[in-house]
């Protein structure tokens, strides 16, 4: 599933994701924790509010938790003279 980072604290290493499909979380947010993110060994991962992510959901008894979290690469359209956009 996919969603958007609602809030992230780099110093605490956690935050929240708003899932695109709120029915999966009964209308609430999913907890985002740095230990549940896919990253290279010893890589520090940071998020920004509004950033798009893909993830799976699990429930540890305190609500939905995002696991296997990955950033979704954002493609930026750069006009070029070849396609007639200036």
N, C-alpha and C. Protein backbone atom coordinates (compact mmCIF):
# COMPACT_ATOMS: atom_id res chain seq x y z
N UNK A 1 0.84 -1.17 0.00
CA UNK A 1 0.00 0.00 0.00
C UNK A 1 0.88 1.23 0.00
N UNK A 2 0.27 2.38 -0.25
CA UNK A 2 1.01 3.63 -0.30
C UNK A 2 0.36 4.67 0.60
N UNK A 3 1.13 5.71 0.89
CA UNK A 3 0.62 6.78 1.73
C UNK A 3 1.57 7.96 1.73
N UNK A 4 1.27 8.90 2.62
CA UNK A 4 2.03 10.14 2.72
C UNK A 4 2.50 10.33 4.16
N UNK A 5 3.76 10.74 4.32
CA UNK A 5 4.28 11.02 5.66
C UNK A 5 3.56 12.26 6.20
N UNK A 6 2.89 12.08 7.33
CA UNK A 6 2.14 13.17 7.96
C UNK A 6 3.05 13.98 8.87
N UNK A 7 3.90 13.28 9.62
CA UNK A 7 4.78 13.91 10.61
C UNK A 7 5.96 12.99 10.84
N UNK A 8 7.15 13.55 11.02
CA UNK A 8 8.35 12.75 11.27
C UNK A 8 9.28 13.51 12.19
N UNK A 9 9.78 12.84 13.24
CA UNK A 9 10.75 13.43 14.16
C UNK A 9 12.10 12.74 13.95
N UNK A 10 13.05 13.41 13.32
CA UNK A 10 14.36 12.79 13.10
C UNK A 10 15.07 12.45 14.41
N UNK A 11 14.92 13.28 15.41
CA UNK A 11 15.61 13.02 16.68
C UNK A 11 15.03 11.82 17.43
N UNK A 12 13.73 11.57 17.26
CA UNK A 12 13.09 10.45 17.94
C UNK A 12 12.99 9.21 17.06
N UNK A 13 13.09 9.40 15.75
CA UNK A 13 13.08 8.27 14.83
C UNK A 13 11.71 7.65 14.59
N UNK A 14 10.68 8.44 14.78
CA UNK A 14 9.34 7.94 14.47
C UNK A 14 8.46 9.05 13.96
N UNK A 15 7.29 8.64 13.43
CA UNK A 15 6.33 9.59 12.91
C UNK A 15 5.05 8.87 12.54
N UNK A 16 4.31 9.45 11.61
CA UNK A 16 3.02 8.88 11.21
C UNK A 16 2.84 8.98 9.70
N UNK A 17 2.12 8.00 9.15
CA UNK A 17 1.79 7.96 7.73
C UNK A 17 0.28 8.02 7.60
N UNK A 18 -0.19 8.80 6.64
CA UNK A 18 -1.61 8.79 6.28
C UNK A 18 -1.73 7.84 5.08
N UNK A 19 -2.35 6.68 5.27
CA UNK A 19 -2.51 5.75 4.14
C UNK A 19 -3.45 6.31 3.09
N UNK A 20 -3.20 5.98 1.84
CA UNK A 20 -4.11 6.38 0.76
C UNK A 20 -5.47 5.72 0.94
N UNK A 21 -5.47 4.48 1.43
CA UNK A 21 -6.71 3.75 1.68
C UNK A 21 -6.95 3.73 3.19
N UNK A 22 -7.71 4.69 3.68
CA UNK A 22 -7.94 4.80 5.13
C UNK A 22 -8.74 3.65 5.71
N UNK A 23 -9.41 2.87 4.87
CA UNK A 23 -10.17 1.74 5.39
C UNK A 23 -9.24 0.69 6.00
N UNK A 24 -7.99 0.66 5.55
CA UNK A 24 -7.02 -0.29 6.09
C UNK A 24 -6.64 0.02 7.54
N UNK A 25 -6.78 1.27 7.94
CA UNK A 25 -6.42 1.68 9.30
C UNK A 25 -7.63 2.18 10.07
N UNK A 26 -8.82 1.86 9.58
CA UNK A 26 -10.07 2.30 10.21
C UNK A 26 -10.13 3.81 10.36
N UNK A 27 -9.59 4.52 9.35
CA UNK A 27 -9.67 5.97 9.30
C UNK A 27 -8.55 6.70 10.01
N UNK A 28 -7.58 5.97 10.57
CA UNK A 28 -6.50 6.62 11.31
C UNK A 28 -5.17 6.56 10.60
N UNK A 29 -4.15 7.04 11.29
CA UNK A 29 -2.79 7.03 10.77
C UNK A 29 -2.10 5.72 11.13
N UNK A 30 -0.98 5.46 10.47
CA UNK A 30 -0.13 4.32 10.80
C UNK A 30 1.15 4.86 11.42
N UNK A 31 1.64 4.18 12.43
CA UNK A 31 2.89 4.58 13.08
C UNK A 31 4.06 4.23 12.15
N UNK A 32 4.99 5.16 12.03
CA UNK A 32 6.20 4.99 11.22
C UNK A 32 7.39 5.02 12.16
N UNK A 33 8.16 3.92 12.22
CA UNK A 33 9.34 3.86 13.09
C UNK A 33 10.56 3.52 12.24
N UNK A 34 11.68 4.16 12.54
CA UNK A 34 12.88 3.97 11.72
C UNK A 34 13.32 2.52 11.62
N UNK A 35 13.04 1.70 12.62
CA UNK A 35 13.47 0.30 12.60
C UNK A 35 12.66 -0.54 11.61
N UNK A 36 11.54 0.00 11.12
CA UNK A 36 10.70 -0.73 10.18
C UNK A 36 10.88 -0.27 8.74
N UNK A 37 11.97 0.46 8.48
CA UNK A 37 12.22 0.99 7.14
C UNK A 37 13.26 0.15 6.41
N UNK A 38 13.08 0.02 5.12
CA UNK A 38 14.05 -0.70 4.29
C UNK A 38 15.16 0.28 3.95
N UNK A 39 16.37 -0.08 4.35
CA UNK A 39 17.53 0.80 4.13
C UNK A 39 18.79 -0.05 4.07
N UNK A 40 19.84 0.54 3.59
CA UNK A 40 21.13 -0.12 3.58
C UNK A 40 21.65 -0.19 5.02
N UNK A 41 22.48 -1.16 5.29
CA UNK A 41 23.02 -1.34 6.64
C UNK A 41 23.68 -0.05 7.13
N UNK A 42 23.38 0.36 8.33
CA UNK A 42 23.93 1.55 8.99
C UNK A 42 23.52 2.87 8.34
N UNK A 43 22.62 2.83 7.37
CA UNK A 43 22.15 4.05 6.73
C UNK A 43 21.11 4.71 7.62
N UNK A 44 21.23 5.99 7.81
CA UNK A 44 20.23 6.75 8.56
C UNK A 44 19.14 7.18 7.58
N UNK A 45 17.91 6.95 7.95
CA UNK A 45 16.81 7.30 7.06
C UNK A 45 16.03 8.45 7.67
N UNK A 46 15.73 9.43 6.88
CA UNK A 46 14.91 10.57 7.31
C UNK A 46 13.79 10.76 6.31
N UNK A 47 12.71 11.29 6.81
CA UNK A 47 11.55 11.57 5.97
C UNK A 47 11.20 13.04 6.10
N UNK A 48 10.43 13.54 5.15
CA UNK A 48 9.90 14.89 5.23
C UNK A 48 8.38 14.80 5.14
N UNK A 49 7.72 15.72 5.77
CA UNK A 49 6.27 15.76 5.70
C UNK A 49 5.85 15.89 4.25
N UNK A 50 4.86 15.10 3.85
CA UNK A 50 4.37 15.12 2.48
C UNK A 50 5.07 14.14 1.56
N UNK A 51 6.11 13.49 2.04
CA UNK A 51 6.84 12.54 1.21
C UNK A 51 6.00 11.26 1.01
N UNK A 52 6.06 10.70 -0.20
CA UNK A 52 5.30 9.50 -0.53
C UNK A 52 6.10 8.26 -0.17
N UNK A 53 5.41 7.26 0.40
CA UNK A 53 6.05 6.02 0.80
C UNK A 53 5.17 4.81 0.44
N UNK A 54 5.81 3.66 0.31
CA UNK A 54 5.08 2.39 0.19
C UNK A 54 5.38 1.60 1.46
N UNK A 55 4.44 0.76 1.88
CA UNK A 55 4.61 0.03 3.13
C UNK A 55 3.58 -1.08 3.24
N UNK A 56 3.77 -1.92 4.24
CA UNK A 56 2.80 -2.94 4.62
C UNK A 56 2.31 -2.57 6.02
N UNK A 57 1.17 -3.09 6.41
CA UNK A 57 0.63 -2.80 7.74
C UNK A 57 0.64 -4.03 8.62
N UNK A 58 0.88 -3.80 9.89
CA UNK A 58 0.71 -4.82 10.91
C UNK A 58 0.08 -4.13 12.11
N UNK A 59 -0.39 -4.89 13.07
CA UNK A 59 -1.00 -4.30 14.27
C UNK A 59 -0.36 -4.96 15.48
N UNK A 60 0.23 -4.14 16.34
CA UNK A 60 0.90 -4.67 17.53
C UNK A 60 0.06 -4.47 18.79
N UNK A 61 -1.21 -4.19 18.61
CA UNK A 61 -2.10 -3.99 19.74
C UNK A 61 -2.33 -2.55 20.12
N UNK A 62 -1.49 -1.65 19.62
CA UNK A 62 -1.67 -0.22 19.91
C UNK A 62 -2.07 0.55 18.67
N UNK A 63 -2.46 -0.19 17.65
CA UNK A 63 -2.86 0.46 16.41
C UNK A 63 -2.00 0.02 15.26
N UNK A 64 -2.33 0.48 14.06
CA UNK A 64 -1.60 0.05 12.86
C UNK A 64 -0.17 0.59 12.84
N UNK A 65 0.75 -0.29 12.44
CA UNK A 65 2.16 0.06 12.34
C UNK A 65 2.62 -0.24 10.92
N UNK A 66 3.32 0.72 10.32
CA UNK A 66 3.86 0.54 8.97
C UNK A 66 5.18 -0.23 9.06
N UNK A 67 5.30 -1.28 8.25
CA UNK A 67 6.54 -2.05 8.17
C UNK A 67 7.00 -2.11 6.73
N UNK A 68 8.25 -2.47 6.54
CA UNK A 68 8.85 -2.53 5.19
C UNK A 68 8.61 -1.23 4.43
N UNK A 69 8.86 -0.13 5.11
CA UNK A 69 8.60 1.20 4.55
C UNK A 69 9.73 1.59 3.58
N UNK A 70 9.34 2.06 2.41
CA UNK A 70 10.28 2.55 1.40
C UNK A 70 9.78 3.87 0.85
N UNK A 71 10.71 4.76 0.56
CA UNK A 71 10.35 6.01 -0.11
C UNK A 71 9.98 5.71 -1.55
N UNK A 72 8.98 6.41 -2.05
CA UNK A 72 8.61 6.30 -3.46
C UNK A 72 9.32 7.41 -4.19
N UNK A 73 10.08 7.03 -5.20
CA UNK A 73 10.84 8.02 -5.95
C UNK A 73 9.89 8.95 -6.69
N UNK A 74 10.10 10.22 -6.52
CA UNK A 74 9.28 11.23 -7.18
C UNK A 74 9.95 11.62 -8.49
N UNK A 75 9.22 11.51 -9.56
CA UNK A 75 9.75 11.92 -10.86
C UNK A 75 9.43 13.38 -11.08
N UNK A 76 10.42 14.10 -11.51
CA UNK A 76 10.25 15.53 -11.78
C UNK A 76 10.31 15.73 -13.29
N UNK A 77 9.28 16.37 -13.82
CA UNK A 77 9.26 16.66 -15.25
C UNK A 77 10.11 17.88 -15.52
N UNK A 78 11.09 17.68 -16.38
CA UNK A 78 11.94 18.79 -16.77
C UNK A 78 11.74 19.03 -18.27
N UNK A 79 11.09 20.12 -18.61
CA UNK A 79 10.85 20.40 -20.02
C UNK A 79 12.16 20.59 -20.77
N UNK A 80 12.17 20.16 -22.00
CA UNK A 80 13.34 20.36 -22.83
C UNK A 80 12.90 21.03 -24.14
N UNK A 81 13.79 21.73 -24.77
CA UNK A 81 13.45 22.40 -26.03
C UNK A 81 12.98 21.41 -27.10
N UNK A 82 13.39 20.14 -26.99
CA UNK A 82 13.03 19.15 -28.00
C UNK A 82 11.54 18.84 -28.02
N UNK A 83 10.87 18.98 -26.86
CA UNK A 83 9.44 18.66 -26.85
C UNK A 83 8.56 19.91 -26.97
N UNK A 84 9.17 21.03 -27.33
CA UNK A 84 8.41 22.23 -27.62
C UNK A 84 7.96 23.04 -26.42
N UNK A 85 8.43 22.70 -25.25
CA UNK A 85 8.06 23.44 -24.04
C UNK A 85 9.23 24.33 -23.67
N UNK A 86 8.96 25.59 -23.43
CA UNK A 86 10.06 26.49 -23.07
C UNK A 86 9.80 27.14 -21.74
